[in-house]
N, C-alpha and C. Protein backbone atom coordinates (compact mmCIF):
# COMPACT_ATOMS: atom_id res chain seq x y z
N MET A 1 0.82 -1.21 0.00
CA MET A 1 0.00 0.00 0.00
C MET A 1 0.85 1.26 0.00
N ILE A 2 1.92 1.23 0.84
CA ILE A 2 2.77 2.41 0.95
C ILE A 2 3.47 2.72 -0.37
N TRP A 3 3.81 1.62 -1.11
CA TRP A 3 4.50 1.85 -2.39
C TRP A 3 3.56 2.46 -3.41
N LYS A 4 2.28 2.12 -3.32
CA LYS A 4 1.29 2.75 -4.20
C LYS A 4 1.19 4.25 -3.91
N LEU A 5 1.19 4.58 -2.61
CA LEU A 5 1.11 6.00 -2.23
C LEU A 5 2.35 6.76 -2.70
N VAL A 6 3.52 6.11 -2.57
CA VAL A 6 4.77 6.74 -3.04
C VAL A 6 4.70 6.94 -4.55
N GLY A 7 4.18 5.93 -5.26
CA GLY A 7 4.07 6.04 -6.71
C GLY A 7 3.15 7.17 -7.13
N VAL A 8 2.01 7.30 -6.43
CA VAL A 8 1.07 8.38 -6.72
C VAL A 8 1.71 9.74 -6.44
N ALA A 9 2.43 9.83 -5.30
CA ALA A 9 3.08 11.09 -4.94
C ALA A 9 4.13 11.48 -5.98
N LEU A 10 4.91 10.49 -6.43
CA LEU A 10 5.92 10.77 -7.46
C LEU A 10 5.27 11.20 -8.76
N GLY A 11 4.15 10.53 -9.09
CA GLY A 11 3.43 10.89 -10.31
C GLY A 11 2.93 12.32 -10.26
N VAL A 12 2.36 12.71 -9.11
CA VAL A 12 1.87 14.07 -8.93
C VAL A 12 3.02 15.07 -9.01
N LEU A 13 4.18 14.70 -8.40
CA LEU A 13 5.35 15.58 -8.42
C LEU A 13 5.85 15.79 -9.84
N VAL A 14 5.96 14.71 -10.60
CA VAL A 14 6.44 14.81 -11.98
C VAL A 14 5.47 15.65 -12.82
N ALA A 15 4.17 15.42 -12.63
CA ALA A 15 3.18 16.20 -13.37
C ALA A 15 3.26 17.68 -13.02
N GLY A 16 3.47 17.95 -11.72
CA GLY A 16 3.59 19.34 -11.29
C GLY A 16 4.80 20.03 -11.90
N VAL A 17 5.93 19.31 -11.93
CA VAL A 17 7.14 19.88 -12.53
C VAL A 17 6.93 20.13 -14.02
N ALA A 18 6.30 19.17 -14.70
CA ALA A 18 6.06 19.31 -16.13
C ALA A 18 5.17 20.52 -16.42
N ILE A 19 4.12 20.67 -15.61
CA ILE A 19 3.22 21.81 -15.79
C ILE A 19 3.96 23.12 -15.53
N GLY A 20 4.79 23.13 -14.49
CA GLY A 20 5.56 24.33 -14.16
C GLY A 20 6.51 24.72 -15.29
N LEU A 21 7.19 23.72 -15.88
CA LEU A 21 8.10 23.99 -16.99
C LEU A 21 7.34 24.50 -18.20
N TYR A 22 6.16 23.94 -18.44
CA TYR A 22 5.35 24.38 -19.58
C TYR A 22 4.93 25.83 -19.41
N VAL A 23 4.46 26.18 -18.21
CA VAL A 23 4.03 27.55 -17.94
C VAL A 23 5.21 28.52 -18.04
N ALA A 24 6.34 28.13 -17.48
CA ALA A 24 7.53 28.99 -17.54
C ALA A 24 7.97 29.21 -18.98
N ASN A 25 7.94 28.14 -19.78
CA ASN A 25 8.33 28.28 -21.18
C ASN A 25 7.36 29.19 -21.93
N TRP A 26 6.06 29.08 -21.62
CA TRP A 26 5.05 29.92 -22.26
C TRP A 26 5.25 31.38 -21.89
N LEU A 27 5.57 31.64 -20.63
CA LEU A 27 5.76 33.02 -20.18
C LEU A 27 7.02 33.64 -20.78
N LEU A 28 8.05 32.84 -20.99
CA LEU A 28 9.33 33.36 -21.46
C LEU A 28 9.48 33.33 -22.98
N SER A 29 8.52 32.70 -23.68
CA SER A 29 8.65 32.56 -25.12
C SER A 29 7.89 33.61 -25.91
N GLY A 30 7.50 34.70 -25.27
CA GLY A 30 6.78 35.76 -25.93
C GLY A 30 7.69 36.54 -26.87
N PRO A 31 7.11 37.50 -27.59
CA PRO A 31 7.90 38.28 -28.55
C PRO A 31 8.91 39.17 -27.85
N PRO A 32 9.98 39.56 -28.53
CA PRO A 32 10.98 40.45 -27.92
C PRO A 32 10.42 41.86 -27.74
N THR A 33 11.03 42.60 -26.85
CA THR A 33 10.65 44.00 -26.63
C THR A 33 11.41 44.89 -27.59
N TYR A 34 10.69 45.82 -28.21
CA TYR A 34 11.30 46.72 -29.19
C TYR A 34 11.40 48.11 -28.58
N ASP A 35 12.59 48.70 -28.61
CA ASP A 35 12.81 50.04 -28.06
C ASP A 35 12.55 51.07 -29.16
N ALA A 36 11.45 51.80 -29.05
CA ALA A 36 11.05 52.77 -30.08
C ALA A 36 11.48 54.19 -29.77
N ARG A 37 12.26 54.39 -28.70
CA ARG A 37 12.64 55.73 -28.30
C ARG A 37 13.63 56.34 -29.29
N SER A 38 13.29 57.54 -29.81
CA SER A 38 14.21 58.29 -30.66
C SER A 38 14.90 59.39 -29.88
N SER A 39 14.32 59.76 -28.75
CA SER A 39 14.91 60.74 -27.83
C SER A 39 14.19 60.59 -26.50
N HIS A 40 14.51 61.45 -25.53
CA HIS A 40 13.84 61.37 -24.24
C HIS A 40 12.42 61.91 -24.30
N ALA A 41 12.06 62.57 -25.42
CA ALA A 41 10.74 63.19 -25.52
C ALA A 41 9.94 62.72 -26.73
N ALA A 42 10.41 61.72 -27.45
CA ALA A 42 9.70 61.27 -28.64
C ALA A 42 10.02 59.82 -28.96
N ALA A 43 9.12 59.20 -29.74
CA ALA A 43 9.31 57.84 -30.23
C ALA A 43 8.69 57.74 -31.60
N ASN A 44 9.24 56.86 -32.43
CA ASN A 44 8.73 56.64 -33.78
C ASN A 44 8.50 55.15 -34.00
N ILE A 45 7.31 54.80 -34.46
CA ILE A 45 6.94 53.41 -34.66
C ILE A 45 6.34 53.26 -36.06
N THR A 46 6.89 52.34 -36.84
CA THR A 46 6.31 51.98 -38.14
C THR A 46 5.91 50.52 -38.08
N ILE A 47 4.63 50.26 -38.29
CA ILE A 47 4.10 48.91 -38.18
C ILE A 47 3.26 48.58 -39.40
N GLN A 48 3.02 47.31 -39.62
CA GLN A 48 2.10 46.88 -40.67
C GLN A 48 1.15 45.85 -40.12
N THR A 49 -0.07 45.84 -40.67
CA THR A 49 -1.04 44.80 -40.33
C THR A 49 -1.17 43.88 -41.53
N VAL A 50 -1.19 42.60 -41.27
CA VAL A 50 -1.20 41.61 -42.34
C VAL A 50 -2.28 40.57 -42.10
N ALA A 51 -2.86 40.08 -43.18
CA ALA A 51 -3.92 39.08 -43.07
C ALA A 51 -3.39 37.73 -42.60
N ALA A 52 -2.14 37.42 -42.96
CA ALA A 52 -1.52 36.16 -42.57
C ALA A 52 -0.03 36.41 -42.33
N VAL A 53 0.44 36.07 -41.15
CA VAL A 53 1.80 36.40 -40.76
C VAL A 53 2.85 35.60 -41.53
N GLY A 54 2.47 34.43 -42.01
CA GLY A 54 3.38 33.65 -42.84
C GLY A 54 4.34 32.76 -42.08
N PRO A 55 4.90 31.75 -42.74
CA PRO A 55 5.76 30.77 -42.07
C PRO A 55 7.13 31.31 -41.69
N GLN A 56 7.58 32.41 -42.29
CA GLN A 56 8.89 32.95 -41.95
C GLN A 56 8.92 33.56 -40.55
N LEU A 57 7.76 34.05 -40.10
CA LEU A 57 7.72 34.83 -38.87
C LEU A 57 6.94 34.17 -37.74
N SER A 58 6.30 33.04 -38.01
CA SER A 58 5.45 32.47 -36.96
C SER A 58 5.18 30.99 -37.19
N PRO A 59 5.03 30.22 -36.11
CA PRO A 59 4.58 28.84 -36.25
C PRO A 59 3.08 28.76 -36.55
N ASN A 60 2.41 29.92 -36.52
CA ASN A 60 0.99 30.01 -36.87
C ASN A 60 0.86 30.86 -38.13
N PRO A 61 1.24 30.35 -39.29
CA PRO A 61 1.37 31.16 -40.50
C PRO A 61 0.09 31.81 -40.97
N ASP A 62 -1.07 31.24 -40.62
CA ASP A 62 -2.34 31.78 -41.10
C ASP A 62 -2.93 32.85 -40.17
N TRP A 63 -2.26 33.13 -39.06
CA TRP A 63 -2.80 34.10 -38.11
C TRP A 63 -2.60 35.53 -38.60
N VAL A 64 -3.62 36.34 -38.39
CA VAL A 64 -3.52 37.77 -38.65
C VAL A 64 -2.57 38.39 -37.63
N SER A 65 -1.86 39.46 -38.01
CA SER A 65 -0.84 39.96 -37.09
C SER A 65 -0.44 41.40 -37.38
N TYR A 66 0.13 42.02 -36.37
CA TYR A 66 0.88 43.26 -36.50
C TYR A 66 2.36 42.91 -36.58
N LEU A 67 3.12 43.70 -37.34
CA LEU A 67 4.57 43.58 -37.38
C LEU A 67 5.17 44.97 -37.22
N ILE A 68 6.37 45.05 -36.71
CA ILE A 68 7.04 46.33 -36.54
C ILE A 68 8.32 46.34 -37.38
N ARG A 69 8.64 47.52 -37.92
CA ARG A 69 9.83 47.65 -38.77
C ARG A 69 11.02 48.08 -37.93
N ASN A 70 12.10 47.31 -38.04
CA ASN A 70 13.35 47.66 -37.37
C ASN A 70 14.09 48.68 -38.25
N PRO A 71 14.24 49.93 -37.78
CA PRO A 71 14.86 50.96 -38.64
C PRO A 71 16.32 50.68 -38.95
N SER A 72 16.98 49.91 -38.12
CA SER A 72 18.40 49.62 -38.35
C SER A 72 18.58 48.66 -39.53
N SER A 73 17.76 47.61 -39.56
CA SER A 73 17.90 46.60 -40.61
C SER A 73 16.87 46.72 -41.71
N GLY A 74 15.77 47.43 -41.41
CA GLY A 74 14.68 47.52 -42.36
C GLY A 74 13.78 46.30 -42.35
N ALA A 75 14.11 45.31 -41.52
CA ALA A 75 13.35 44.07 -41.47
C ALA A 75 12.06 44.25 -40.67
N TRP A 76 11.05 43.46 -41.04
CA TRP A 76 9.79 43.45 -40.30
C TRP A 76 9.85 42.32 -39.27
N GLU A 77 9.53 42.67 -38.01
CA GLU A 77 9.65 41.73 -36.91
C GLU A 77 8.33 41.59 -36.17
N ARG A 78 8.09 40.40 -35.64
CA ARG A 78 6.85 40.15 -34.89
C ARG A 78 7.08 40.49 -33.42
N SER A 79 7.07 41.79 -33.17
CA SER A 79 7.21 42.29 -31.80
C SER A 79 6.05 43.23 -31.51
N THR A 80 5.33 42.99 -30.45
CA THR A 80 4.19 43.86 -30.10
C THR A 80 4.35 44.43 -28.68
N ILE A 81 5.58 44.41 -28.17
CA ILE A 81 5.88 45.02 -26.87
C ILE A 81 6.90 46.12 -27.14
N TRP A 82 6.51 47.37 -26.93
CA TRP A 82 7.32 48.51 -27.34
C TRP A 82 7.63 49.42 -26.17
N THR A 83 8.85 49.91 -26.11
CA THR A 83 9.28 50.83 -25.06
C THR A 83 9.30 52.25 -25.62
N VAL A 84 8.62 53.17 -24.91
CA VAL A 84 8.56 54.57 -25.32
C VAL A 84 8.76 55.45 -24.09
N PRO A 85 9.13 56.73 -24.27
CA PRO A 85 9.37 57.60 -23.10
C PRO A 85 8.06 58.07 -22.46
N ALA A 86 8.15 58.40 -21.18
CA ALA A 86 7.02 58.99 -20.47
C ALA A 86 6.84 60.45 -20.89
N HIS A 87 5.60 60.91 -20.88
CA HIS A 87 5.28 62.31 -21.19
C HIS A 87 5.92 62.73 -22.51
N ALA A 88 5.72 61.90 -23.53
CA ALA A 88 6.38 62.12 -24.82
C ALA A 88 5.39 61.92 -25.96
N LEU A 89 5.76 62.41 -27.14
CA LEU A 89 4.97 62.19 -28.34
C LEU A 89 5.43 60.93 -29.04
N VAL A 90 4.47 60.09 -29.40
CA VAL A 90 4.76 58.86 -30.13
C VAL A 90 4.14 58.99 -31.53
N HIS A 91 5.00 58.98 -32.53
CA HIS A 91 4.57 59.12 -33.92
C HIS A 91 4.46 57.73 -34.54
N VAL A 92 3.27 57.39 -35.02
CA VAL A 92 2.99 56.06 -35.52
C VAL A 92 2.62 56.10 -37.00
N LYS A 93 3.19 55.18 -37.76
CA LYS A 93 2.82 54.98 -39.16
C LYS A 93 2.42 53.53 -39.34
N ILE A 94 1.21 53.31 -39.84
CA ILE A 94 0.72 51.95 -40.04
C ILE A 94 0.49 51.71 -41.53
N LEU A 95 1.10 50.66 -42.04
CA LEU A 95 0.87 50.21 -43.40
C LEU A 95 -0.12 49.04 -43.30
N GLN A 96 -1.34 49.27 -43.78
CA GLN A 96 -2.45 48.35 -43.55
C GLN A 96 -2.68 47.53 -44.82
N PHE A 97 -2.34 46.23 -44.76
CA PHE A 97 -2.40 45.36 -45.93
C PHE A 97 -3.62 44.45 -45.95
N ASP A 98 -4.40 44.45 -44.90
CA ASP A 98 -5.52 43.51 -44.78
C ASP A 98 -6.81 44.10 -45.37
N GLY A 99 -7.74 43.22 -45.74
CA GLY A 99 -9.04 43.66 -46.25
C GLY A 99 -9.97 44.07 -45.12
N ASP A 100 -11.14 44.59 -45.47
CA ASP A 100 -12.07 45.07 -44.45
C ASP A 100 -12.80 43.91 -43.78
N SER A 101 -13.11 44.10 -42.50
CA SER A 101 -13.86 43.13 -41.70
C SER A 101 -15.15 43.74 -41.17
N GLY A 102 -15.14 45.07 -40.99
CA GLY A 102 -16.31 45.75 -40.44
C GLY A 102 -16.28 45.80 -38.93
N LEU A 103 -16.92 46.82 -38.38
CA LEU A 103 -16.96 47.04 -36.94
C LEU A 103 -18.30 46.58 -36.36
N ARG A 104 -18.27 45.97 -35.21
CA ARG A 104 -19.51 45.62 -34.53
C ARG A 104 -20.08 46.81 -33.77
N ASN A 105 -19.21 47.77 -33.45
CA ASN A 105 -19.63 48.99 -32.78
C ASN A 105 -19.17 50.18 -33.61
N PRO A 106 -20.10 50.91 -34.26
CA PRO A 106 -19.72 52.04 -35.12
C PRO A 106 -18.94 53.13 -34.39
N PHE A 107 -19.03 53.18 -33.06
CA PHE A 107 -18.29 54.19 -32.30
C PHE A 107 -16.79 54.07 -32.54
N LEU A 108 -16.33 52.85 -32.82
CA LEU A 108 -14.90 52.63 -33.01
C LEU A 108 -14.39 53.18 -34.35
N ALA A 109 -15.28 53.71 -35.17
CA ALA A 109 -14.87 54.26 -36.46
C ALA A 109 -14.32 55.67 -36.34
N ARG A 110 -14.37 56.24 -35.14
CA ARG A 110 -13.92 57.62 -34.93
C ARG A 110 -12.65 57.64 -34.08
N PRO A 111 -11.58 58.26 -34.57
CA PRO A 111 -10.33 58.34 -33.80
C PRO A 111 -10.54 59.10 -32.48
N GLU A 112 -9.81 58.69 -31.46
CA GLU A 112 -9.88 59.34 -30.14
C GLU A 112 -8.49 59.41 -29.52
N GLY A 113 -8.28 60.43 -28.67
CA GLY A 113 -7.08 60.49 -27.84
C GLY A 113 -5.80 60.82 -28.56
N LEU A 114 -5.87 61.51 -29.71
CA LEU A 114 -4.68 61.78 -30.50
C LEU A 114 -4.25 63.25 -30.39
N VAL A 115 -3.02 63.50 -30.79
CA VAL A 115 -2.50 64.86 -30.90
C VAL A 115 -2.57 65.23 -32.38
N GLY A 116 -3.43 66.19 -32.73
CA GLY A 116 -3.61 66.54 -34.12
C GLY A 116 -4.50 65.52 -34.83
N SER A 117 -4.65 65.69 -36.13
CA SER A 117 -5.52 64.82 -36.92
C SER A 117 -4.74 63.64 -37.49
N PRO A 118 -5.33 62.45 -37.46
CA PRO A 118 -4.70 61.31 -38.14
C PRO A 118 -4.88 61.47 -39.64
N THR A 119 -4.09 60.75 -40.41
CA THR A 119 -4.24 60.80 -41.86
C THR A 119 -4.45 59.40 -42.42
N LEU A 120 -5.21 59.33 -43.50
CA LEU A 120 -5.45 58.10 -44.24
C LEU A 120 -5.01 58.34 -45.68
N ASP A 121 -3.99 57.66 -46.10
CA ASP A 121 -3.41 57.84 -47.43
C ASP A 121 -3.07 59.30 -47.70
N GLY A 122 -2.52 59.95 -46.68
CA GLY A 122 -2.05 61.32 -46.82
C GLY A 122 -3.08 62.39 -46.56
N LYS A 123 -4.33 62.03 -46.29
CA LYS A 123 -5.39 63.02 -46.07
C LYS A 123 -5.93 62.91 -44.65
N PRO A 124 -6.11 64.06 -43.95
CA PRO A 124 -6.67 64.01 -42.59
C PRO A 124 -8.09 63.42 -42.61
N PHE A 125 -8.45 62.70 -41.55
CA PHE A 125 -9.81 62.15 -41.47
C PHE A 125 -10.30 62.22 -40.03
N GLN A 126 -11.63 62.31 -39.90
CA GLN A 126 -12.26 62.38 -38.59
C GLN A 126 -13.04 61.11 -38.26
N THR A 127 -13.35 60.33 -39.28
CA THR A 127 -14.05 59.06 -39.09
C THR A 127 -13.92 58.25 -40.38
N ILE A 128 -14.23 56.96 -40.31
CA ILE A 128 -14.29 56.13 -41.50
C ILE A 128 -15.63 55.41 -41.53
N ASN A 129 -16.01 54.88 -42.65
CA ASN A 129 -17.20 54.06 -42.75
C ASN A 129 -16.98 52.80 -41.92
N PRO A 130 -17.84 52.51 -40.94
CA PRO A 130 -17.64 51.33 -40.08
C PRO A 130 -17.49 50.03 -40.87
N ASP A 131 -18.14 49.95 -42.04
CA ASP A 131 -18.05 48.73 -42.84
C ASP A 131 -16.69 48.57 -43.50
N ASP A 132 -15.93 49.67 -43.60
CA ASP A 132 -14.63 49.63 -44.27
C ASP A 132 -13.48 49.30 -43.34
N ALA A 133 -13.74 49.17 -42.06
CA ALA A 133 -12.66 48.95 -41.09
C ALA A 133 -12.07 47.55 -41.22
N SER A 134 -10.77 47.48 -41.13
CA SER A 134 -10.07 46.20 -41.13
C SER A 134 -9.63 45.83 -39.72
N HIS A 135 -9.01 46.81 -39.03
CA HIS A 135 -8.54 46.63 -37.67
C HIS A 135 -8.69 47.94 -36.92
N THR A 136 -8.35 47.90 -35.65
CA THR A 136 -8.19 49.13 -34.87
C THR A 136 -6.88 49.04 -34.10
N PHE A 137 -6.34 50.20 -33.77
CA PHE A 137 -5.22 50.28 -32.85
C PHE A 137 -5.73 51.05 -31.64
N ALA A 138 -5.74 50.41 -30.48
CA ALA A 138 -6.33 51.03 -29.30
C ALA A 138 -5.47 50.79 -28.06
N ILE A 139 -5.30 51.85 -27.28
CA ILE A 139 -4.67 51.75 -25.95
C ILE A 139 -5.69 52.30 -24.96
N PRO A 140 -6.58 51.46 -24.45
CA PRO A 140 -7.69 51.93 -23.62
C PRO A 140 -7.28 52.80 -22.44
N GLN A 141 -6.18 52.46 -21.75
CA GLN A 141 -5.78 53.23 -20.57
C GLN A 141 -5.31 54.64 -20.91
N LEU A 142 -4.89 54.85 -22.15
CA LEU A 142 -4.48 56.18 -22.59
C LEU A 142 -5.56 56.87 -23.40
N GLY A 143 -6.70 56.21 -23.60
CA GLY A 143 -7.78 56.80 -24.37
C GLY A 143 -7.51 56.88 -25.85
N VAL A 144 -6.56 56.08 -26.35
CA VAL A 144 -6.17 56.13 -27.76
C VAL A 144 -6.95 55.10 -28.56
N LEU A 145 -7.54 55.54 -29.66
CA LEU A 145 -8.27 54.65 -30.56
C LEU A 145 -8.11 55.16 -31.99
N VAL A 146 -7.69 54.28 -32.89
CA VAL A 146 -7.55 54.63 -34.30
C VAL A 146 -8.12 53.50 -35.16
N PRO A 147 -9.15 53.78 -35.96
CA PRO A 147 -9.66 52.77 -36.88
C PRO A 147 -8.78 52.69 -38.12
N LEU A 148 -8.60 51.49 -38.64
CA LEU A 148 -7.74 51.27 -39.80
C LEU A 148 -8.59 50.78 -40.97
N ALA A 149 -8.68 51.60 -42.01
CA ALA A 149 -9.47 51.23 -43.18
C ALA A 149 -8.82 50.07 -43.92
N GLY A 150 -9.65 49.18 -44.47
CA GLY A 150 -9.16 47.99 -45.15
C GLY A 150 -8.85 48.22 -46.62
N VAL A 151 -8.08 47.31 -47.18
CA VAL A 151 -7.77 47.33 -48.61
C VAL A 151 -9.00 46.85 -49.37
N PRO A 152 -9.42 47.56 -50.43
CA PRO A 152 -10.60 47.13 -51.19
C PRO A 152 -10.45 45.72 -51.76
N ASP A 153 -11.56 45.01 -51.88
CA ASP A 153 -11.53 43.63 -52.37
C ASP A 153 -10.98 43.53 -53.78
N ASN A 154 -11.20 44.59 -54.58
CA ASN A 154 -10.76 44.54 -55.98
C ASN A 154 -9.37 45.13 -56.21
N ALA A 155 -8.65 45.42 -55.13
CA ALA A 155 -7.31 45.99 -55.27
C ALA A 155 -6.36 44.97 -55.89
N LYS A 156 -5.45 45.45 -56.73
CA LYS A 156 -4.47 44.58 -57.36
C LYS A 156 -3.26 44.36 -56.45
N ASN A 157 -2.56 43.27 -56.66
CA ASN A 157 -1.33 42.95 -55.95
C ASN A 157 -1.51 42.94 -54.43
N GLN A 158 -2.52 42.23 -53.96
CA GLN A 158 -2.73 42.12 -52.53
C GLN A 158 -1.73 41.14 -51.92
N CYS A 159 -1.36 41.40 -50.69
CA CYS A 159 -0.35 40.57 -50.00
C CYS A 159 -0.97 39.28 -49.49
N GLY A 160 -0.30 38.16 -49.74
CA GLY A 160 -0.77 36.89 -49.24
C GLY A 160 -0.21 36.58 -47.86
N PHE A 161 1.12 36.52 -47.75
CA PHE A 161 1.78 36.25 -46.49
C PHE A 161 2.79 37.35 -46.18
N ALA A 162 2.95 37.65 -44.91
CA ALA A 162 3.94 38.64 -44.48
C ALA A 162 5.34 38.08 -44.61
N PRO A 163 6.35 38.97 -44.62
CA PRO A 163 6.20 40.43 -44.60
C PRO A 163 5.75 40.97 -45.96
N CYS A 164 4.90 42.01 -45.92
CA CYS A 164 4.33 42.58 -47.13
C CYS A 164 5.17 43.78 -47.58
N ASP A 165 5.31 43.95 -48.88
CA ASP A 165 6.16 44.99 -49.46
C ASP A 165 5.31 46.21 -49.85
N PRO A 166 5.47 47.34 -49.16
CA PRO A 166 4.66 48.52 -49.48
C PRO A 166 4.98 49.15 -50.83
N THR A 167 6.11 48.79 -51.43
CA THR A 167 6.46 49.37 -52.72
C THR A 167 5.75 48.66 -53.88
N THR A 168 5.25 47.45 -53.65
CA THR A 168 4.63 46.70 -54.74
C THR A 168 3.23 46.17 -54.41
N MET A 169 2.84 46.15 -53.15
CA MET A 169 1.58 45.51 -52.75
C MET A 169 0.55 46.53 -52.26
N ALA A 170 -0.72 46.23 -52.51
CA ALA A 170 -1.82 47.13 -52.14
C ALA A 170 -1.90 47.31 -50.63
N HIS A 171 -2.06 48.55 -50.20
CA HIS A 171 -2.18 48.82 -48.77
C HIS A 171 -2.77 50.21 -48.55
N ARG A 172 -3.16 50.49 -47.31
CA ARG A 172 -3.58 51.82 -46.87
C ARG A 172 -2.53 52.31 -45.88
N THR A 173 -2.28 53.62 -45.88
CA THR A 173 -1.29 54.20 -44.97
C THR A 173 -1.99 55.11 -43.98
N ILE A 174 -1.83 54.81 -42.70
CA ILE A 174 -2.44 55.61 -41.62
C ILE A 174 -1.33 56.16 -40.75
N THR A 175 -1.38 57.45 -40.45
CA THR A 175 -0.42 58.05 -39.54
C THR A 175 -1.16 58.78 -38.42
N PHE A 176 -0.56 58.81 -37.25
CA PHE A 176 -1.16 59.53 -36.12
C PHE A 176 -0.11 59.71 -35.03
N THR A 177 -0.41 60.59 -34.10
CA THR A 177 0.48 60.87 -32.97
C THR A 177 -0.33 60.86 -31.68
N PHE A 178 0.21 60.24 -30.65
CA PHE A 178 -0.41 60.32 -29.33
C PHE A 178 0.65 60.65 -28.29
N ARG A 179 0.19 61.13 -27.17
CA ARG A 179 1.10 61.51 -26.09
C ARG A 179 1.00 60.52 -24.94
N THR A 180 2.14 60.07 -24.47
CA THR A 180 2.15 59.18 -23.31
C THR A 180 2.01 59.99 -22.02
N GLY A 181 1.72 59.31 -20.95
CA GLY A 181 1.62 59.95 -19.65
C GLY A 181 2.72 59.45 -18.73
N LYS A 182 2.31 59.09 -17.52
CA LYS A 182 3.28 58.63 -16.53
C LYS A 182 3.79 57.24 -16.88
N LYS A 183 4.85 56.86 -16.21
CA LYS A 183 5.45 55.55 -16.44
C LYS A 183 4.46 54.44 -16.10
N GLY A 184 4.53 53.36 -16.86
CA GLY A 184 3.64 52.24 -16.62
C GLY A 184 3.62 51.29 -17.79
N LYS A 185 2.85 50.24 -17.66
CA LYS A 185 2.70 49.23 -18.70
C LYS A 185 1.26 49.26 -19.19
N TYR A 186 1.07 49.61 -20.46
CA TYR A 186 -0.26 49.82 -21.01
C TYR A 186 -0.53 48.81 -22.13
N ARG A 187 -1.62 48.12 -22.02
CA ARG A 187 -1.96 47.13 -23.05
C ARG A 187 -2.56 47.82 -24.26
N TRP A 188 -2.16 47.40 -25.45
CA TRP A 188 -2.81 47.86 -26.68
C TRP A 188 -3.37 46.65 -27.41
N GLN A 189 -4.38 46.88 -28.26
CA GLN A 189 -4.99 45.74 -28.93
C GLN A 189 -5.88 46.19 -30.08
N CYS A 190 -6.31 45.22 -30.87
CA CYS A 190 -7.28 45.42 -31.93
C CYS A 190 -8.64 44.98 -31.40
N PHE A 191 -9.69 45.76 -31.74
CA PHE A 191 -11.04 45.41 -31.29
C PHE A 191 -11.92 44.86 -32.40
N VAL A 192 -11.35 44.66 -33.58
CA VAL A 192 -12.13 44.07 -34.67
C VAL A 192 -12.02 42.54 -34.57
N PRO A 193 -13.13 41.81 -34.60
CA PRO A 193 -13.07 40.34 -34.49
C PRO A 193 -12.56 39.72 -35.78
N CYS A 194 -11.25 39.73 -35.94
CA CYS A 194 -10.66 39.35 -37.23
C CYS A 194 -9.94 38.01 -37.19
N ALA A 195 -10.14 37.21 -36.16
CA ALA A 195 -9.47 35.91 -36.05
C ALA A 195 -10.32 34.84 -36.72
N ALA A 196 -10.14 34.67 -38.03
CA ALA A 196 -10.91 33.69 -38.79
C ALA A 196 -10.68 32.28 -38.24
N GLY A 197 -11.77 31.53 -38.11
CA GLY A 197 -11.68 30.16 -37.63
C GLY A 197 -11.82 30.01 -36.14
N PHE A 198 -11.93 31.13 -35.41
CA PHE A 198 -12.10 31.07 -33.96
C PHE A 198 -13.48 31.61 -33.59
N GLN A 199 -14.04 31.10 -32.49
CA GLN A 199 -15.38 31.47 -32.08
C GLN A 199 -15.51 32.97 -31.88
N PHE A 200 -16.49 33.56 -32.54
CA PHE A 200 -16.77 35.00 -32.50
C PHE A 200 -15.64 35.86 -33.04
N GLY A 201 -14.60 35.23 -33.59
CA GLY A 201 -13.50 35.99 -34.18
C GLY A 201 -12.54 36.60 -33.19
N PHE A 202 -12.63 36.23 -31.91
CA PHE A 202 -11.78 36.85 -30.89
C PHE A 202 -10.79 35.88 -30.25
N GLY A 203 -10.60 34.71 -30.80
CA GLY A 203 -9.64 33.77 -30.24
C GLY A 203 -8.29 33.88 -30.92
N GLY A 204 -7.43 32.88 -30.68
CA GLY A 204 -6.14 32.80 -31.36
C GLY A 204 -5.32 34.07 -31.34
N PRO A 205 -5.07 34.67 -32.50
CA PRO A 205 -4.20 35.86 -32.57
C PRO A 205 -4.77 37.07 -31.85
N MET A 206 -6.09 37.11 -31.65
CA MET A 206 -6.70 38.27 -30.99
C MET A 206 -6.39 38.30 -29.50
N GLN A 207 -6.03 37.17 -28.92
CA GLN A 207 -5.77 37.13 -27.48
C GLN A 207 -4.35 36.66 -27.17
N THR A 208 -3.48 36.69 -28.18
CA THR A 208 -2.11 36.23 -27.99
C THR A 208 -1.14 37.38 -28.21
N ILE A 209 -0.33 37.67 -27.18
CA ILE A 209 0.70 38.71 -27.30
C ILE A 209 1.65 38.34 -28.44
N GLY A 210 1.94 39.30 -29.29
CA GLY A 210 2.81 39.05 -30.42
C GLY A 210 2.08 39.02 -31.75
N TYR A 211 0.75 39.15 -31.70
CA TYR A 211 -0.03 39.14 -32.94
C TYR A 211 -0.91 40.39 -33.00
N MET A 212 -2.10 40.35 -32.43
CA MET A 212 -3.00 41.50 -32.54
C MET A 212 -3.12 42.29 -31.24
N ASP A 213 -2.22 42.08 -30.33
CA ASP A 213 -2.18 42.89 -29.12
C ASP A 213 -0.80 42.82 -28.50
N GLY A 214 -0.55 43.74 -27.57
CA GLY A 214 0.76 43.79 -26.93
C GLY A 214 0.76 44.80 -25.81
N PHE A 215 1.94 45.32 -25.51
CA PHE A 215 2.08 46.30 -24.43
C PHE A 215 2.95 47.47 -24.88
N VAL A 216 2.58 48.65 -24.40
CA VAL A 216 3.44 49.83 -24.54
C VAL A 216 4.05 50.08 -23.17
N ASN A 217 5.35 49.88 -23.08
CA ASN A 217 6.08 50.13 -21.83
C ASN A 217 6.54 51.59 -21.80
N VAL A 218 5.93 52.37 -20.95
CA VAL A 218 6.29 53.79 -20.82
C VAL A 218 7.30 53.92 -19.70
N VAL A 219 8.50 54.41 -20.04
CA VAL A 219 9.60 54.45 -19.05
C VAL A 219 10.13 55.86 -18.88
């Protein structure tokens, strides 16, 4: 009897260690942190949204994703955790390669929390047609919300897998600026249910750091 109890205890111990290692690996295997600081008072971020991240950048090649451009190498990287200065202006440029999905809440079609007017393909805008939205970029704790218009269905040279080339492939260009506040860790995310194949469109890449959401580390 005692040997059975020892065997059960060892089994529980091994299972516990295995679970602990799995959780630790999951916590440590997230995307790298990208330092976007250009000075103590400003940051510059160039990102793209893609319909499918592709096999070069992810073990989930069909997942929708954000990517960030490394200015040193020019390469597009799957990093959604960004470091920016406190009480600073963050200048963002988004190259939007995905098609429209539409908004469930038309309120999200209007930009909020920005410094100055955002632009869509070089022109200032105050709202977009809710049906034309592909994604949103939102930092709820900072009151920042920007709707991203989708690429028309009939556009030529649409991107299949990332990284997408803005010099040859159809896309929309959105620019905007927001101001950070005090130091802290602020979650950002997309509110469009764009995770095809998942219940209600909010599973998979929509709830996984490194794809359609991440953190802005204000330091």
